[in-house]
Amino acid sequence: MSLPYSKRYVPNLLSLQRTCEVNYMTLMKLLPPEGDVGAVRRYRVGNELQFELTISADSRFTSQVLLSQHNPELPDYLQTRIEIRLYHDVRMAEVCAAQQISRLKPRYDYPNKEMHQRDEKEQVNLFLAEWLKFCLRHGTSPINISG
């Protein structure tokens, strides 16, 4: 008798690539216009919730962006924190780290002691896509800060 998860997970690269391309285009609309390292743009959603995009590194072909959530009603460990790498030459944005996962693998065996889903990388990139859509639709950005 075989277990339901005995088959090895194979990532859908076309789907992941499409998600990363859409995330790149959307992020380019939301990032601070000057694009310098240390530049920050905040988006307010409702009264208490704020999201912040910070450009943490920049080179010729890549940039590193930190997405962080600021909600005074939540403890720090529940605040969203995602590191995103933008590949400018191929116009893609990929989640590199999220919450307590410091380096996302393309796939995970299941079950595993960290309790990651087999498609964890795809799921966090899809989460980023949903967040970006949410921010474009409902967020306001009264605050632009240069570091």
Protein backbone atom coordinates (compact mmCIF):
# COMPACT_ATOMS: atom_id res chain seq x y z
CA MET A 1 0.00 0.00 0.00
CA SER A 2 1.50 3.33 -1.00
CA LEU A 3 1.18 6.58 0.89
CA PRO A 4 -0.62 9.48 -0.82
CA TYR A 5 2.58 11.57 -0.74
CA SER A 6 4.98 8.86 -1.91
CA LYS A 7 5.28 10.39 -5.39
CA ARG A 8 8.03 12.97 -5.63
CA TYR A 9 6.74 16.50 -6.18
CA VAL A 10 7.82 18.14 -9.44
CA PRO A 11 7.47 21.94 -9.52
CA ASN A 12 5.47 23.45 -12.36
CA LEU A 13 8.18 25.75 -13.70
CA LEU A 14 5.96 27.50 -16.25
CA SER A 15 3.45 28.42 -13.57
CA LEU A 16 6.17 29.62 -11.19
CA GLN A 17 7.84 31.64 -13.95
CA ARG A 18 4.53 33.29 -14.87
CA THR A 19 3.89 34.19 -11.22
CA CYS A 20 7.41 35.65 -10.88
CA GLU A 21 6.96 37.73 -14.04
CA VAL A 22 3.63 39.16 -12.86
CA ASN A 23 5.14 39.87 -9.42
CA TYR A 24 8.01 41.76 -11.07
CA MET A 25 5.68 43.98 -13.09
CA THR A 26 3.50 44.71 -10.08
CA LEU A 27 6.44 45.40 -7.77
CA MET A 28 7.87 47.88 -10.25
CA LYS A 29 4.62 49.88 -9.87
CA LEU A 30 4.78 49.79 -6.06
CA LEU A 31 8.48 50.38 -5.36
CA PRO A 32 9.83 53.83 -4.49
CA PRO A 33 10.34 55.76 -7.74
CA GLU A 34 13.98 56.70 -7.05
CA GLY A 35 14.97 53.05 -6.61
CA ASP A 36 18.08 53.71 -4.50
CA VAL A 37 19.28 51.37 -1.76
CA GLY A 38 17.55 52.36 1.46
CA ALA A 39 14.53 53.89 -0.30
CA VAL A 40 11.25 52.99 1.38
CA ARG A 41 7.61 53.20 0.38
CA ARG A 42 4.82 52.52 2.85
CA TYR A 43 1.27 51.53 2.04
CA ARG A 44 -1.54 52.03 4.51
CA VAL A 45 -4.51 49.69 4.42
CA GLY A 46 -7.22 50.66 6.88
CA ASN A 47 -6.42 52.43 10.15
CA GLU A 48 -3.71 50.29 11.72
CA LEU A 49 -2.16 48.13 9.01
CA GLN A 50 0.87 49.28 7.06
CA PHE A 51 3.13 47.47 4.63
CA GLU A 52 6.60 48.69 3.80
CA LEU A 53 8.78 48.00 0.77
CA THR A 54 12.48 48.71 1.31
CA ILE A 55 15.17 48.40 -1.35
CA SER A 56 17.96 46.66 0.56
CA ALA A 57 20.47 45.95 -2.25
CA ASP A 58 20.93 46.89 -5.87
CA SER A 59 23.26 45.81 -8.65
CA ARG A 60 23.23 45.93 -12.42
CA PHE A 61 20.99 42.90 -12.94
CA THR A 62 19.35 42.34 -9.54
CA SER A 63 17.79 44.17 -6.62
CA GLN A 64 16.82 42.93 -3.19
CA VAL A 65 13.56 44.18 -1.66
CA LEU A 66 12.21 43.63 1.83
CA LEU A 67 8.45 43.54 2.34
CA SER A 68 7.45 44.00 5.97
CA GLN A 69 4.13 44.40 7.73
CA HIS A 70 3.56 46.89 10.55
CA ASN A 71 0.52 46.31 12.71
CA PRO A 72 0.73 47.46 16.36
CA GLU A 73 -1.93 44.93 17.37
CA LEU A 74 0.19 41.92 16.36
CA PRO A 75 3.37 40.58 17.98
CA ASP A 76 6.54 40.78 15.84
CA TYR A 77 6.63 37.06 15.03
CA LEU A 78 3.21 37.32 13.34
CA GLN A 79 4.17 40.31 11.17
CA THR A 80 4.78 39.41 7.52
CA ARG A 81 8.43 39.67 6.46
CA ILE A 82 9.44 38.61 2.94
CA GLU A 83 12.72 39.04 1.09
CA ILE A 84 12.34 39.34 -2.67
CA ARG A 85 15.01 39.27 -5.36
CA LEU A 86 14.26 41.13 -8.59
CA TYR A 87 16.04 39.90 -11.73
CA HIS A 88 15.94 42.91 -14.06
CA ASP A 89 17.40 41.16 -17.11
CA VAL A 90 14.59 38.58 -17.22
CA ARG A 91 11.99 40.78 -15.48
CA MET A 92 11.15 38.33 -12.69
CA ALA A 93 10.71 38.68 -8.92
CA GLU A 94 11.30 35.66 -6.69
CA VAL A 95 10.67 35.25 -2.97
CA CYS A 96 14.00 34.26 -1.40
CA ALA A 97 13.01 34.15 2.27
CA ALA A 98 9.72 34.34 4.13
CA GLN A 99 8.94 34.46 7.84
CA GLN A 100 11.24 31.94 9.54
CA ILE A 101 12.37 30.26 6.29
CA SER A 102 15.73 31.78 5.46
CA ARG A 103 16.25 30.02 2.13
CA LEU A 104 13.41 28.49 0.16
CA LYS A 105 14.05 25.26 -1.70
CA PRO A 106 12.30 24.48 -4.99
CA ARG A 107 10.64 21.48 -3.33
CA TYR A 108 10.48 19.71 0.00
CA ASP A 109 10.05 16.04 0.78
CA TYR A 110 6.88 15.43 2.71
CA PRO A 111 6.53 14.90 5.57
CA ASN A 112 9.50 16.89 6.89
CA LYS A 113 10.43 18.06 10.38
CA GLU A 114 9.99 21.75 9.49
CA MET A 115 6.45 21.00 8.24
CA HIS A 116 6.98 22.82 4.94
CA GLN A 117 4.59 22.04 2.13
CA ARG A 118 6.00 20.18 -0.84
CA ASP A 119 5.40 23.29 -2.99
CA GLU A 120 6.32 25.90 -0.35
CA LYS A 121 8.28 28.07 -2.81
CA GLU A 122 5.38 28.25 -5.24
CA GLN A 123 2.94 29.02 -2.43
CA VAL A 124 4.95 31.96 -1.03
CA ASN A 125 5.33 33.42 -4.54
CA LEU A 126 1.56 33.10 -5.01
CA PHE A 127 1.06 34.75 -1.60
CA LEU A 128 3.26 37.64 -2.75
CA ALA A 129 1.13 37.96 -5.93
CA GLU A 130 -2.05 38.16 -3.84
CA TRP A 131 -0.51 40.72 -1.48
CA LEU A 132 0.66 42.89 -4.38
CA LYS A 133 -2.83 42.82 -5.96
CA PHE A 134 -4.35 43.69 -2.59
CA CYS A 135 -1.95 46.60 -2.12
CA LEU A 136 -2.63 47.98 -5.60
CA ARG A 137 -6.39 47.83 -5.04
CA HIS A 138 -6.69 48.96 -1.42
CA GLY A 139 -3.44 50.58 -0.33
CA THR A 140 -2.64 54.24 -0.18
CA SER A 141 0.91 55.53 -0.10
CA PRO A 142 1.09 58.88 1.65
CA ILE A 143 4.59 58.20 2.90
CA ASN A 144 7.72 58.06 0.72
CA ILE A 145 10.98 57.92 2.63
CA SER A 146 14.51 57.97 1.31
CA GLY A 147 17.10 56.29 3.52
